[in-house]
Amino acid sequence: AWAPNFAGSAPKTNIVAAAPVPEPTTVAALGLGLLALARRRRARA
C-alpha cells in the first residue's frame, strides 16, 4: 500500500520543485548523458 502512495507523491513534489528553474539544465544533462552512452556503445561495438 506504500508503493502507490510514494509513487504518487514523489513525482509531483519533484516536478513542482524542479520544473520552474532547472528544466534546461536537466534536459542538457540528460542529453549529454545519452550522447556519452551512445559514444561508449559505438566505441565498444
N, C-alpha and C. Protein backbone atom coordinates (compact mmCIF):
# COMPACT_ATOMS: atom_id res chain seq x y z
N ALA A 1 0.84 -1.21 0.00
CA ALA A 1 0.00 0.00 0.00
C ALA A 1 0.87 1.26 0.00
N TRP A 2 2.13 1.13 0.42
CA TRP A 2 3.00 2.32 0.49
C TRP A 2 3.57 2.66 -0.88
N ALA A 3 3.66 1.66 -1.77
CA ALA A 3 4.28 1.91 -3.07
C ALA A 3 3.49 2.93 -3.90
N PRO A 4 2.17 2.74 -4.09
CA PRO A 4 1.42 3.72 -4.90
C PRO A 4 1.40 5.10 -4.27
N ASN A 5 1.35 5.15 -2.94
CA ASN A 5 1.36 6.46 -2.29
C ASN A 5 2.69 7.17 -2.53
N PHE A 6 3.78 6.44 -2.40
CA PHE A 6 5.11 7.03 -2.61
C PHE A 6 5.27 7.44 -4.07
N ALA A 7 4.84 6.56 -4.97
CA ALA A 7 4.98 6.85 -6.40
C ALA A 7 4.09 8.02 -6.80
N GLY A 8 2.97 8.19 -6.10
CA GLY A 8 2.06 9.27 -6.45
C GLY A 8 2.50 10.60 -5.88
N SER A 9 3.20 10.57 -4.75
CA SER A 9 3.57 11.83 -4.09
C SER A 9 4.94 12.31 -4.55
N ALA A 10 5.88 11.40 -4.73
CA ALA A 10 7.25 11.80 -5.07
C ALA A 10 7.33 12.56 -6.39
N PRO A 11 6.78 12.04 -7.49
CA PRO A 11 6.93 12.75 -8.78
C PRO A 11 6.32 14.14 -8.73
N LYS A 12 5.18 14.28 -8.06
CA LYS A 12 4.54 15.59 -8.01
C LYS A 12 5.45 16.60 -7.32
N THR A 13 6.01 16.23 -6.17
CA THR A 13 6.88 17.16 -5.44
C THR A 13 8.13 17.45 -6.27
N ASN A 14 8.67 16.43 -6.92
CA ASN A 14 9.89 16.63 -7.71
C ASN A 14 9.60 17.57 -8.88
N ILE A 15 8.47 17.35 -9.56
CA ILE A 15 8.14 18.19 -10.72
C ILE A 15 7.91 19.63 -10.27
N VAL A 16 7.14 19.80 -9.20
CA VAL A 16 6.82 21.15 -8.73
C VAL A 16 8.10 21.86 -8.29
N ALA A 17 9.01 21.13 -7.66
CA ALA A 17 10.22 21.76 -7.13
C ALA A 17 11.24 22.00 -8.24
N ALA A 18 11.29 21.11 -9.23
CA ALA A 18 12.36 21.18 -10.22
C ALA A 18 11.92 21.88 -11.50
N ALA A 19 10.63 21.90 -11.78
CA ALA A 19 10.16 22.40 -13.08
C ALA A 19 10.54 23.85 -13.34
N PRO A 20 10.35 24.78 -12.38
CA PRO A 20 10.50 26.21 -12.71
C PRO A 20 11.89 26.57 -13.22
N VAL A 21 12.96 26.13 -12.55
CA VAL A 21 14.29 26.64 -12.89
C VAL A 21 15.12 25.65 -13.71
N PRO A 22 15.40 24.44 -13.20
CA PRO A 22 16.45 23.62 -13.82
C PRO A 22 15.99 22.77 -15.00
N GLU A 23 14.88 23.12 -15.65
CA GLU A 23 14.45 22.31 -16.80
C GLU A 23 15.53 22.26 -17.88
N PRO A 24 16.02 23.40 -18.36
CA PRO A 24 17.04 23.35 -19.43
C PRO A 24 18.31 22.64 -19.00
N THR A 25 18.71 22.82 -17.74
CA THR A 25 19.94 22.19 -17.27
C THR A 25 19.76 20.68 -17.19
N THR A 26 18.59 20.24 -16.69
CA THR A 26 18.37 18.80 -16.58
C THR A 26 18.29 18.19 -17.97
N VAL A 27 17.60 18.88 -18.89
CA VAL A 27 17.48 18.36 -20.26
C VAL A 27 18.86 18.27 -20.89
N ALA A 28 19.67 19.30 -20.68
CA ALA A 28 21.03 19.29 -21.25
C ALA A 28 21.84 18.15 -20.64
N ALA A 29 21.72 17.96 -19.33
CA ALA A 29 22.47 16.90 -18.66
C ALA A 29 22.05 15.54 -19.19
N LEU A 30 20.74 15.34 -19.35
CA LEU A 30 20.25 14.07 -19.88
C LEU A 30 20.76 13.86 -21.30
N GLY A 31 20.72 14.93 -22.10
CA GLY A 31 21.20 14.82 -23.48
C GLY A 31 22.68 14.45 -23.52
N LEU A 32 23.47 15.12 -22.68
CA LEU A 32 24.91 14.82 -22.64
C LEU A 32 25.13 13.38 -22.19
N GLY A 33 24.35 12.93 -21.21
CA GLY A 33 24.48 11.56 -20.73
C GLY A 33 24.15 10.56 -21.82
N LEU A 34 23.06 10.83 -22.57
CA LEU A 34 22.68 9.92 -23.66
C LEU A 34 23.76 9.91 -24.74
N LEU A 35 24.30 11.08 -25.05
CA LEU A 35 25.36 11.15 -26.06
C LEU A 35 26.57 10.35 -25.60
N ALA A 36 26.92 10.49 -24.31
CA ALA A 36 28.07 9.77 -23.78
C ALA A 36 27.84 8.26 -23.88
N LEU A 37 26.63 7.82 -23.52
CA LEU A 37 26.32 6.40 -23.59
C LEU A 37 26.39 5.92 -25.04
N ALA A 38 25.85 6.73 -25.97
CA ALA A 38 25.87 6.35 -27.38
C ALA A 38 27.31 6.24 -27.87
N ARG A 39 28.16 7.20 -27.48
CA ARG A 39 29.56 7.16 -27.90
C ARG A 39 30.25 5.93 -27.36
N ARG A 40 29.98 5.62 -26.07
CA ARG A 40 30.61 4.45 -25.46
C ARG A 40 30.16 3.18 -26.17
N ARG A 41 28.84 3.10 -26.46
CA ARG A 41 28.32 1.90 -27.13
C ARG A 41 28.95 1.77 -28.52
N ARG A 42 29.06 2.90 -29.24
CA ARG A 42 29.64 2.85 -30.59
C ARG A 42 31.11 2.45 -30.52
N ALA A 43 31.82 2.99 -29.53
CA ALA A 43 33.24 2.69 -29.41
C ALA A 43 33.43 1.21 -29.08
N ARG A 44 32.61 0.68 -28.17
CA ARG A 44 32.73 -0.73 -27.79
C ARG A 44 32.35 -1.63 -28.95
N ALA A 45 31.29 -1.25 -29.67
CA ALA A 45 30.81 -2.08 -30.78
C ALA A 45 31.84 -2.01 -31.92
